Amino acid sequence: MLLVVTKSFTVSIIKLMANYKVGQNGINNFKSTICSNLWSNRWR
């Protein structure tokens, strides 16, 4: 059961990445954006 859920979840993630043409660069930009948002929110 869990394996099936994980598999479909992974497939949907891959589809999303393919749709938006997100490579490793995009993921890193996404992470850094979230991190900077968290930091700015913390110090605001």
PDB file of N, CA and C in Angstrom:
ATOM      1  N   MET A   1       0.845  -1.201   0.000  1.00  0.00           N
ATOM      2  CA  MET A   1       0.000   0.000   0.000  1.00  0.00           C
ATOM      3  C   MET A   1       0.880   1.250   0.000  1.00  0.00           C
ATOM      4  N   LEU A   2       1.779   1.305   0.984  1.00  0.00           N
ATOM      5  CA  LEU A   2       2.659   2.472   1.101  1.00  0.00           C
ATOM      6  C   LEU A   2       3.542   2.607  -0.135  1.00  0.00           C
ATOM      7  N   LEU A   3       4.015   1.464  -0.641  1.00  0.00           N
ATOM      8  CA  LEU A   3       4.889   1.467  -1.810  1.00  0.00           C
ATOM      9  C   LEU A   3       4.166   2.052  -3.019  1.00  0.00           C
ATOM     10  N   VAL A   4       2.901   1.683  -3.183  1.00  0.00           N
ATOM     11  CA  VAL A   4       2.116   2.186  -4.307  1.00  0.00           C
ATOM     12  C   VAL A   4       1.948   3.692  -4.198  1.00  0.00           C
ATOM     13  N   VAL A   5       1.634   4.165  -2.995  1.00  0.00           N
ATOM     14  CA  VAL A   5       1.454   5.599  -2.776  1.00  0.00           C
ATOM     15  C   VAL A   5       2.748   6.349  -3.086  1.00  0.00           C
ATOM     16  N   THR A   6       3.847   5.809  -2.596  1.00  0.00           N
ATOM     17  CA  THR A   6       5.139   6.453  -2.830  1.00  0.00           C
ATOM     18  C   THR A   6       5.460   6.488  -4.316  1.00  0.00           C
ATOM     19  N   LYS A   7       5.148   5.393  -4.996  1.00  0.00           N
ATOM     20  CA  LYS A   7       5.438   5.301  -6.426  1.00  0.00           C
ATOM     21  C   LYS A   7       4.635   6.337  -7.206  1.00  0.00           C
ATOM     22  N   SER A   8       3.345   6.426  -6.933  1.00  0.00           N
ATOM     23  CA  SER A   8       2.504   7.378  -7.653  1.00  0.00           C
ATOM     24  C   SER A   8       2.912   8.809  -7.315  1.00  0.00           C
ATOM     25  N   PHE A   9       3.308   9.026  -6.052  1.00  0.00           N
ATOM     26  CA  PHE A   9       3.763  10.347  -5.627  1.00  0.00           C
ATOM     27  C   PHE A   9       5.020  10.741  -6.402  1.00  0.00           C
ATOM     28  N   THR A  10       5.949   9.799  -6.514  1.00  0.00           N
ATOM     29  CA  THR A  10       7.188  10.052  -7.254  1.00  0.00           C
ATOM     30  C   THR A  10       6.883  10.354  -8.712  1.00  0.00           C
ATOM     31  N   VAL A  11       5.969   9.583  -9.297  1.00  0.00           N
ATOM     32  CA  VAL A  11       5.603   9.783 -10.705  1.00  0.00           C
ATOM     33  C   VAL A  11       5.003  11.166 -10.907  1.00  0.00           C
ATOM     34  N   SER A  12       4.132  11.590  -9.988  1.00  0.00           N
ATOM     35  CA  SER A  12       3.503  12.905 -10.117  1.00  0.00           C
ATOM     36  C   SER A  12       4.551  14.009  -9.981  1.00  0.00           C
ATOM     37  N   ILE A  13       5.522  13.808  -9.072  1.00  0.00           N
ATOM     38  CA  ILE A  13       6.604  14.789  -8.916  1.00  0.00           C
ATOM     39  C   ILE A  13       7.396  14.892 -10.223  1.00  0.00           C
ATOM     40  N   ILE A  14       7.722  13.738 -10.810  1.00  0.00           N
ATOM     41  CA  ILE A  14       8.484  13.724 -12.063  1.00  0.00           C
ATOM     42  C   ILE A  14       7.690  14.415 -13.166  1.00  0.00           C
ATOM     43  N   LYS A  15       6.379  14.160 -13.217  1.00  0.00           N
ATOM     44  CA  LYS A  15       5.539  14.811 -14.224  1.00  0.00           C
ATOM     45  C   LYS A  15       5.549  16.317 -14.034  1.00  0.00           C
ATOM     46  N   LEU A  16       5.429  16.754 -12.781  1.00  0.00           N
ATOM     47  CA  LEU A  16       5.472  18.191 -12.492  1.00  0.00           C
ATOM     48  C   LEU A  16       6.788  18.781 -12.972  1.00  0.00           C
ATOM     49  N   MET A  17       7.880  18.118 -12.644  1.00  0.00           N
ATOM     50  CA  MET A  17       9.199  18.611 -13.036  1.00  0.00           C
ATOM     51  C   MET A  17       9.305  18.681 -14.550  1.00  0.00           C
ATOM     52  N   ALA A  18       8.762  17.679 -15.231  1.00  0.00           N
ATOM     53  CA  ALA A  18       8.812  17.665 -16.691  1.00  0.00           C
ATOM     54  C   ALA A  18       7.942  18.796 -17.258  1.00  0.00           C
ATOM     55  N   ASN A  19       6.779  19.005 -16.655  1.00  0.00           N
ATOM     56  CA  ASN A  19       5.877  20.051 -17.135  1.00  0.00           C
ATOM     57  C   ASN A  19       6.510  21.423 -17.018  1.00  0.00           C
ATOM     58  N   TYR A  20       7.110  21.702 -15.886  1.00  0.00           N
ATOM     59  CA  TYR A  20       7.684  23.028 -15.656  1.00  0.00           C
ATOM     60  C   TYR A  20       9.161  23.099 -16.024  1.00  0.00           C
ATOM     61  N   LYS A  21       9.683  21.974 -16.598  1.00  0.00           N
ATOM     62  CA  LYS A  21      11.091  21.932 -16.999  1.00  0.00           C
ATOM     63  C   LYS A  21      12.002  22.363 -15.857  1.00  0.00           C
ATOM     64  N   VAL A  22      11.692  21.827 -14.675  1.00  0.00           N
ATOM     65  CA  VAL A  22      12.490  22.162 -13.504  1.00  0.00           C
ATOM     66  C   VAL A  22      13.644  21.181 -13.382  1.00  0.00           C
ATOM     67  N   GLY A  23      14.853  21.698 -13.452  1.00  0.00           N
ATOM     68  CA  GLY A  23      16.028  20.853 -13.271  1.00  0.00           C
ATOM     69  C   GLY A  23      16.574  21.041 -11.873  1.00  0.00           C
ATOM     70  N   GLN A  24      17.792  20.603 -11.646  1.00  0.00           N
ATOM     71  CA  GLN A  24      18.419  20.769 -10.333  1.00  0.00           C
ATOM     72  C   GLN A  24      18.538  22.242  -9.992  1.00  0.00           C
ATOM     73  N   ASN A  25      18.778  23.075 -11.025  1.00  0.00           N
ATOM     74  CA  ASN A  25      18.898  24.509 -10.814  1.00  0.00           C
ATOM     75  C   ASN A  25      17.612  25.081 -10.249  1.00  0.00           C
ATOM     76  N   GLY A  26      16.488  24.692 -10.836  1.00  0.00           N
ATOM     77  CA  GLY A  26      15.202  25.194 -10.385  1.00  0.00           C
ATOM     78  C   GLY A  26      14.904  24.775  -8.953  1.00  0.00           C
ATOM     79  N   ILE A  27      15.270  23.535  -8.614  1.00  0.00           N
ATOM     80  CA  ILE A  27      15.043  23.051  -7.249  1.00  0.00           C
ATOM     81  C   ILE A  27      15.869  23.856  -6.259  1.00  0.00           C
ATOM     82  N   ASN A  28      17.121  24.120  -6.615  1.00  0.00           N
ATOM     83  CA  ASN A  28      17.985  24.890  -5.727  1.00  0.00           C
ATOM     84  C   ASN A  28      17.445  26.311  -5.558  1.00  0.00           C
ATOM     85  N   ASN A  29      16.977  26.915  -6.656  1.00  0.00           N
ATOM     86  CA  ASN A  29      16.404  28.256  -6.572  1.00  0.00           C
ATOM     87  C   ASN A  29      15.171  28.244  -5.684  1.00  0.00           C
ATOM     88  N   PHE A  30      14.344  27.189  -5.826  1.00  0.00           N
ATOM     89  CA  PHE A  30      13.138  27.044  -5.025  1.00  0.00           C
ATOM     90  C   PHE A  30      13.494  26.952  -3.547  1.00  0.00           C
ATOM     91  N   LYS A  31      14.480  26.120  -3.224  1.00  0.00           N
ATOM     92  CA  LYS A  31      14.900  25.953  -1.827  1.00  0.00           C
ATOM     93  C   LYS A  31      15.443  27.259  -1.265  1.00  0.00           C
ATOM     94  N   SER A  32      16.310  27.924  -2.024  1.00  0.00           N
ATOM     95  CA  SER A  32      16.909  29.160  -1.520  1.00  0.00           C
ATOM     96  C   SER A  32      15.844  30.236  -1.338  1.00  0.00           C
ATOM     97  N   THR A  33      14.829  30.238  -2.223  1.00  0.00           N
ATOM     98  CA  THR A  33      13.740  31.211  -2.088  1.00  0.00           C
ATOM     99  C   THR A  33      12.978  30.961  -0.793  1.00  0.00           C
ATOM    100  N   ILE A  34      12.663  29.700  -0.528  1.00  0.00           N
ATOM    101  CA  ILE A  34      11.942  29.354   0.703  1.00  0.00           C
ATOM    102  C   ILE A  34      12.783  29.719   1.923  1.00  0.00           C
ATOM    103  N   CYS A  35      14.084  29.380   1.881  1.00  0.00           N
ATOM    104  CA  CYS A  35      14.956  29.669   3.016  1.00  0.00           C
ATOM    105  C   CYS A  35      15.038  31.163   3.272  1.00  0.00           C
ATOM    106  N   SER A  36      15.215  31.954   2.220  1.00  0.00           N
ATOM    107  CA  SER A  36      15.324  33.402   2.401  1.00  0.00           C
ATOM    108  C   SER A  36      14.011  33.973   2.915  1.00  0.00           C
ATOM    109  N   ASN A  37      12.882  33.412   2.440  1.00  0.00           N
ATOM    110  CA  ASN A  37      11.580  33.872   2.931  1.00  0.00           C
ATOM    111  C   ASN A  37      11.433  33.573   4.409  1.00  0.00           C
ATOM    112  N   LEU A  38      11.856  32.368   4.819  1.00  0.00           N
ATOM    113  CA  LEU A  38      11.761  31.993   6.228  1.00  0.00           C
ATOM    114  C   LEU A  38      12.619  32.918   7.083  1.00  0.00           C
ATOM    115  N   TRP A  39      13.852  33.195   6.614  1.00  0.00           N
ATOM    116  CA  TRP A  39      14.748  34.044   7.386  1.00  0.00           C
ATOM    117  C   TRP A  39      14.194  35.451   7.499  1.00  0.00           C
ATOM    118  N   SER A  40      13.705  36.014   6.375  1.00  0.00           N
ATOM    119  CA  SER A  40      13.196  37.384   6.410  1.00  0.00           C
ATOM    120  C   SER A  40      11.952  37.463   7.291  1.00  0.00           C
ATOM    121  N   ASN A  41      11.131  36.403   7.270  1.00  0.00           N
ATOM    122  CA  ASN A  41       9.947  36.382   8.130  1.00  0.00           C
ATOM    123  C   ASN A  41      10.349  36.320   9.602  1.00  0.00           C
ATOM    124  N   ARG A  42      11.418  35.582   9.872  1.00  0.00           N
ATOM    125  CA  ARG A  42      11.858  35.406  11.252  1.00  0.00           C
ATOM    126  C   ARG A  42      12.352  36.733  11.821  1.00  0.00           C
ATOM    127  N   TRP A  43      13.067  37.509  11.004  1.00  0.00           N
ATOM    128  CA  TRP A  43      13.674  38.740  11.518  1.00  0.00           C
ATOM    129  C   TRP A  43      12.762  39.946  11.356  1.00  0.00           C
ATOM    130  N   ARG A  44      11.628  39.774  10.688  1.00  0.00           N
ATOM    131  CA  ARG A  44      10.740  40.915  10.475  1.00  0.00           C
ATOM    132  C   ARG A  44      10.071  41.344  11.768  1.00  0.00           C
TER     133      ARG A  44
END
